[in-house]
């Protein structure tokens, strides 16, 4: 379970890096986050449907954590 949250934190960091360096519209950042989650999970465990689902979950959690943190700060 700890690896899951570490991966989500890493995906948040990568998504923030993309947001600051590339000219990606804000509405596409959840897709970037999901893509990073799937790639990260696939690189760690190989490619099968369970790993892709885990990567999708990591990306969605990372996107939700980012949005919740942003909303709680009030930006």
N, C-alpha and C. Protein backbone atom coordinates (compact mmCIF):
# COMPACT_ATOMS: atom_id res chain seq x y z
N UNK A 1 0.81 -1.19 0.00
CA UNK A 1 0.00 0.00 0.00
C UNK A 1 0.86 1.25 0.00
N UNK A 2 2.01 1.19 0.66
CA UNK A 2 2.88 2.36 0.69
C UNK A 2 3.39 2.71 -0.70
N UNK A 3 3.68 1.68 -1.50
CA UNK A 3 4.18 1.92 -2.85
C UNK A 3 3.13 2.65 -3.69
N UNK A 4 1.87 2.31 -3.46
CA UNK A 4 0.78 2.95 -4.19
C UNK A 4 0.78 4.46 -3.96
N UNK A 5 0.91 4.87 -2.70
CA UNK A 5 0.89 6.30 -2.39
C UNK A 5 2.18 6.99 -2.82
N UNK A 6 3.29 6.27 -2.77
CA UNK A 6 4.54 6.84 -3.29
C UNK A 6 4.44 7.06 -4.79
N UNK A 7 3.86 6.10 -5.49
CA UNK A 7 3.66 6.25 -6.93
C UNK A 7 2.73 7.43 -7.24
N UNK A 8 1.66 7.57 -6.44
CA UNK A 8 0.74 8.69 -6.65
C UNK A 8 1.45 10.03 -6.42
N UNK A 9 2.29 10.10 -5.39
CA UNK A 9 3.04 11.33 -5.14
C UNK A 9 4.00 11.62 -6.29
N UNK A 10 4.63 10.58 -6.83
CA UNK A 10 5.54 10.75 -7.95
C UNK A 10 4.79 11.23 -9.19
N UNK A 11 3.60 10.70 -9.41
CA UNK A 11 2.79 11.12 -10.55
C UNK A 11 2.35 12.57 -10.38
N UNK A 12 2.02 12.98 -9.16
CA UNK A 12 1.67 14.38 -8.91
C UNK A 12 2.86 15.28 -9.27
N UNK A 13 4.05 14.87 -8.85
CA UNK A 13 5.25 15.67 -9.14
C UNK A 13 5.51 15.75 -10.65
N UNK A 14 5.37 14.63 -11.34
CA UNK A 14 5.59 14.64 -12.79
C UNK A 14 4.54 15.49 -13.51
N UNK A 15 3.30 15.42 -13.07
CA UNK A 15 2.25 16.22 -13.68
C UNK A 15 2.49 17.70 -13.44
N UNK A 16 2.93 18.04 -12.25
CA UNK A 16 3.25 19.44 -11.96
C UNK A 16 4.42 19.92 -12.82
N UNK A 17 5.38 19.05 -13.04
CA UNK A 17 6.52 19.39 -13.89
C UNK A 17 6.05 19.65 -15.32
N UNK A 18 5.17 18.81 -15.83
CA UNK A 18 4.63 19.01 -17.17
C UNK A 18 3.84 20.30 -17.23
N UNK A 19 3.07 20.57 -16.19
CA UNK A 19 2.26 21.79 -16.17
C UNK A 19 3.12 23.04 -16.22
N UNK A 20 4.25 23.01 -15.54
CA UNK A 20 5.11 24.19 -15.48
C UNK A 20 6.02 24.34 -16.70
N UNK A 21 6.38 23.24 -17.35
CA UNK A 21 7.33 23.33 -18.45
C UNK A 21 6.68 23.30 -19.83
N UNK A 22 5.62 22.51 -20.00
CA UNK A 22 4.97 22.41 -21.30
C UNK A 22 3.73 23.29 -21.31
N UNK A 23 3.29 23.62 -22.45
CA UNK A 23 2.11 24.47 -22.59
C UNK A 23 0.87 23.57 -22.76
N UNK A 24 0.56 22.81 -21.70
CA UNK A 24 -0.58 21.89 -21.72
C UNK A 24 -1.76 22.58 -21.05
N UNK A 25 -2.92 22.61 -21.73
CA UNK A 25 -4.10 23.20 -21.08
C UNK A 25 -4.47 22.45 -19.80
N UNK A 26 -5.00 23.16 -18.83
CA UNK A 26 -5.31 22.60 -17.53
C UNK A 26 -6.32 21.45 -17.63
N UNK A 27 -7.21 21.51 -18.58
CA UNK A 27 -8.23 20.45 -18.68
C UNK A 27 -7.64 19.10 -19.09
N UNK A 28 -6.42 19.09 -19.65
CA UNK A 28 -5.79 17.84 -20.04
C UNK A 28 -4.86 17.26 -18.98
N UNK A 29 -4.66 17.97 -17.88
CA UNK A 29 -3.75 17.48 -16.84
C UNK A 29 -4.20 16.17 -16.20
N UNK A 30 -5.50 15.93 -15.99
CA UNK A 30 -5.88 14.60 -15.50
C UNK A 30 -5.49 13.47 -16.46
N UNK A 31 -5.58 13.72 -17.76
CA UNK A 31 -5.15 12.70 -18.72
C UNK A 31 -3.64 12.47 -18.66
N UNK A 32 -2.90 13.54 -18.44
CA UNK A 32 -1.44 13.42 -18.27
C UNK A 32 -1.14 12.59 -17.03
N UNK A 33 -1.88 12.86 -15.96
CA UNK A 33 -1.69 12.14 -14.71
C UNK A 33 -2.02 10.65 -14.87
N UNK A 34 -3.10 10.35 -15.54
CA UNK A 34 -3.47 8.95 -15.78
C UNK A 34 -2.43 8.26 -16.64
N UNK A 35 -1.94 8.95 -17.66
CA UNK A 35 -0.91 8.38 -18.53
C UNK A 35 0.36 8.06 -17.75
N UNK A 36 0.80 8.99 -16.91
CA UNK A 36 1.97 8.73 -16.09
C UNK A 36 1.74 7.57 -15.13
N UNK A 37 0.54 7.46 -14.57
CA UNK A 37 0.23 6.36 -13.67
C UNK A 37 0.31 5.02 -14.37
N UNK A 38 -0.25 4.93 -15.56
CA UNK A 38 -0.22 3.67 -16.31
C UNK A 38 1.21 3.32 -16.71
N UNK A 39 1.96 4.30 -17.17
CA UNK A 39 3.35 4.05 -17.57
C UNK A 39 4.18 3.61 -16.38
N UNK A 40 4.01 4.28 -15.24
CA UNK A 40 4.77 3.94 -14.05
C UNK A 40 4.45 2.53 -13.57
N UNK A 41 3.18 2.17 -13.55
CA UNK A 41 2.80 0.82 -13.13
C UNK A 41 3.29 -0.23 -14.13
N UNK A 42 3.20 0.08 -15.41
CA UNK A 42 3.64 -0.87 -16.42
C UNK A 42 5.14 -1.11 -16.40
N UNK A 43 5.90 -0.08 -16.10
CA UNK A 43 7.35 -0.25 -16.04
C UNK A 43 7.76 -1.09 -14.84
N UNK A 44 6.98 -1.03 -13.78
CA UNK A 44 7.33 -1.77 -12.58
C UNK A 44 6.95 -3.23 -12.61
N UNK A 45 5.83 -3.57 -13.26
CA UNK A 45 5.30 -4.93 -13.15
C UNK A 45 5.04 -5.61 -14.48
N UNK A 46 5.36 -5.00 -15.58
CA UNK A 46 5.02 -5.59 -16.87
C UNK A 46 3.65 -5.11 -17.30
N UNK A 47 3.22 -5.54 -18.46
CA UNK A 47 1.97 -5.03 -19.01
C UNK A 47 0.90 -6.12 -19.02
N UNK A 48 -0.09 -5.99 -18.20
CA UNK A 48 -1.29 -6.81 -18.26
C UNK A 48 -2.46 -5.97 -17.78
N UNK A 49 -3.65 -6.53 -17.83
CA UNK A 49 -4.84 -5.72 -17.52
C UNK A 49 -4.87 -5.26 -16.07
N UNK A 50 -4.39 -6.07 -15.15
CA UNK A 50 -4.39 -5.68 -13.74
C UNK A 50 -3.44 -4.52 -13.49
N UNK A 51 -2.30 -4.53 -14.15
CA UNK A 51 -1.32 -3.46 -13.99
C UNK A 51 -1.85 -2.17 -14.62
N UNK A 52 -2.49 -2.28 -15.74
CA UNK A 52 -3.06 -1.09 -16.38
C UNK A 52 -4.16 -0.50 -15.50
N UNK A 53 -4.98 -1.35 -14.89
CA UNK A 53 -6.01 -0.87 -13.97
C UNK A 53 -5.39 -0.21 -12.75
N UNK A 54 -4.30 -0.78 -12.23
CA UNK A 54 -3.61 -0.16 -11.10
C UNK A 54 -3.02 1.19 -11.50
N UNK A 55 -2.45 1.28 -12.68
CA UNK A 55 -1.91 2.55 -13.16
C UNK A 55 -2.99 3.59 -13.36
N UNK A 56 -4.14 3.16 -13.85
CA UNK A 56 -5.27 4.06 -14.00
C UNK A 56 -5.71 4.58 -12.63
N UNK A 57 -5.75 3.70 -11.65
CA UNK A 57 -6.13 4.10 -10.29
C UNK A 57 -5.11 5.07 -9.71
N UNK A 58 -3.84 4.80 -9.91
CA UNK A 58 -2.79 5.71 -9.42
C UNK A 58 -2.95 7.08 -10.04
N UNK A 59 -3.18 7.14 -11.34
CA UNK A 59 -3.36 8.42 -12.01
C UNK A 59 -4.58 9.17 -11.53
N UNK A 60 -5.68 8.45 -11.29
CA UNK A 60 -6.90 9.09 -10.81
C UNK A 60 -6.73 9.58 -9.37
N UNK A 61 -6.06 8.79 -8.55
CA UNK A 61 -5.80 9.22 -7.17
C UNK A 61 -4.90 10.45 -7.17
N UNK A 62 -3.87 10.43 -8.00
CA UNK A 62 -2.96 11.58 -8.06
C UNK A 62 -3.70 12.83 -8.52
N UNK A 63 -4.56 12.68 -9.50
CA UNK A 63 -5.33 13.82 -9.99
C UNK A 63 -6.29 14.33 -8.92
N UNK A 64 -6.93 13.43 -8.20
CA UNK A 64 -7.85 13.82 -7.14
C UNK A 64 -7.14 14.46 -5.97
N UNK A 65 -5.99 13.93 -5.58
CA UNK A 65 -5.22 14.51 -4.48
C UNK A 65 -4.76 15.92 -4.84
N UNK A 66 -4.33 16.09 -6.08
CA UNK A 66 -3.90 17.41 -6.51
C UNK A 66 -5.04 18.40 -6.47
N UNK A 67 -6.20 17.99 -6.97
CA UNK A 67 -7.37 18.88 -6.99
C UNK A 67 -7.85 19.20 -5.59
N UNK A 68 -7.84 18.21 -4.71
CA UNK A 68 -8.28 18.44 -3.33
C UNK A 68 -7.32 19.37 -2.60
N UNK A 69 -6.03 19.20 -2.81
CA UNK A 69 -5.06 20.09 -2.19
C UNK A 69 -5.18 21.51 -2.70
N UNK A 70 -5.41 21.64 -3.98
CA UNK A 70 -5.58 22.96 -4.57
C UNK A 70 -6.84 23.64 -4.05
N UNK A 71 -7.91 22.89 -3.88
CA UNK A 71 -9.16 23.45 -3.38
C UNK A 71 -9.04 23.84 -1.92
N UNK A 72 -8.29 23.07 -1.13
CA UNK A 72 -8.17 23.38 0.29
C UNK A 72 -7.31 24.62 0.52
N UNK A 73 -6.36 24.87 -0.38
CA UNK A 73 -5.54 26.08 -0.27
C UNK A 73 -6.35 27.30 -0.69
N UNK A 74 -7.25 27.10 -1.62
CA UNK A 74 -8.11 28.19 -2.05
C UNK A 74 -7.67 28.85 -3.33
N UNK A 75 -6.85 28.17 -4.13
CA UNK A 75 -6.41 28.76 -5.40
C UNK A 75 -7.45 28.61 -6.44
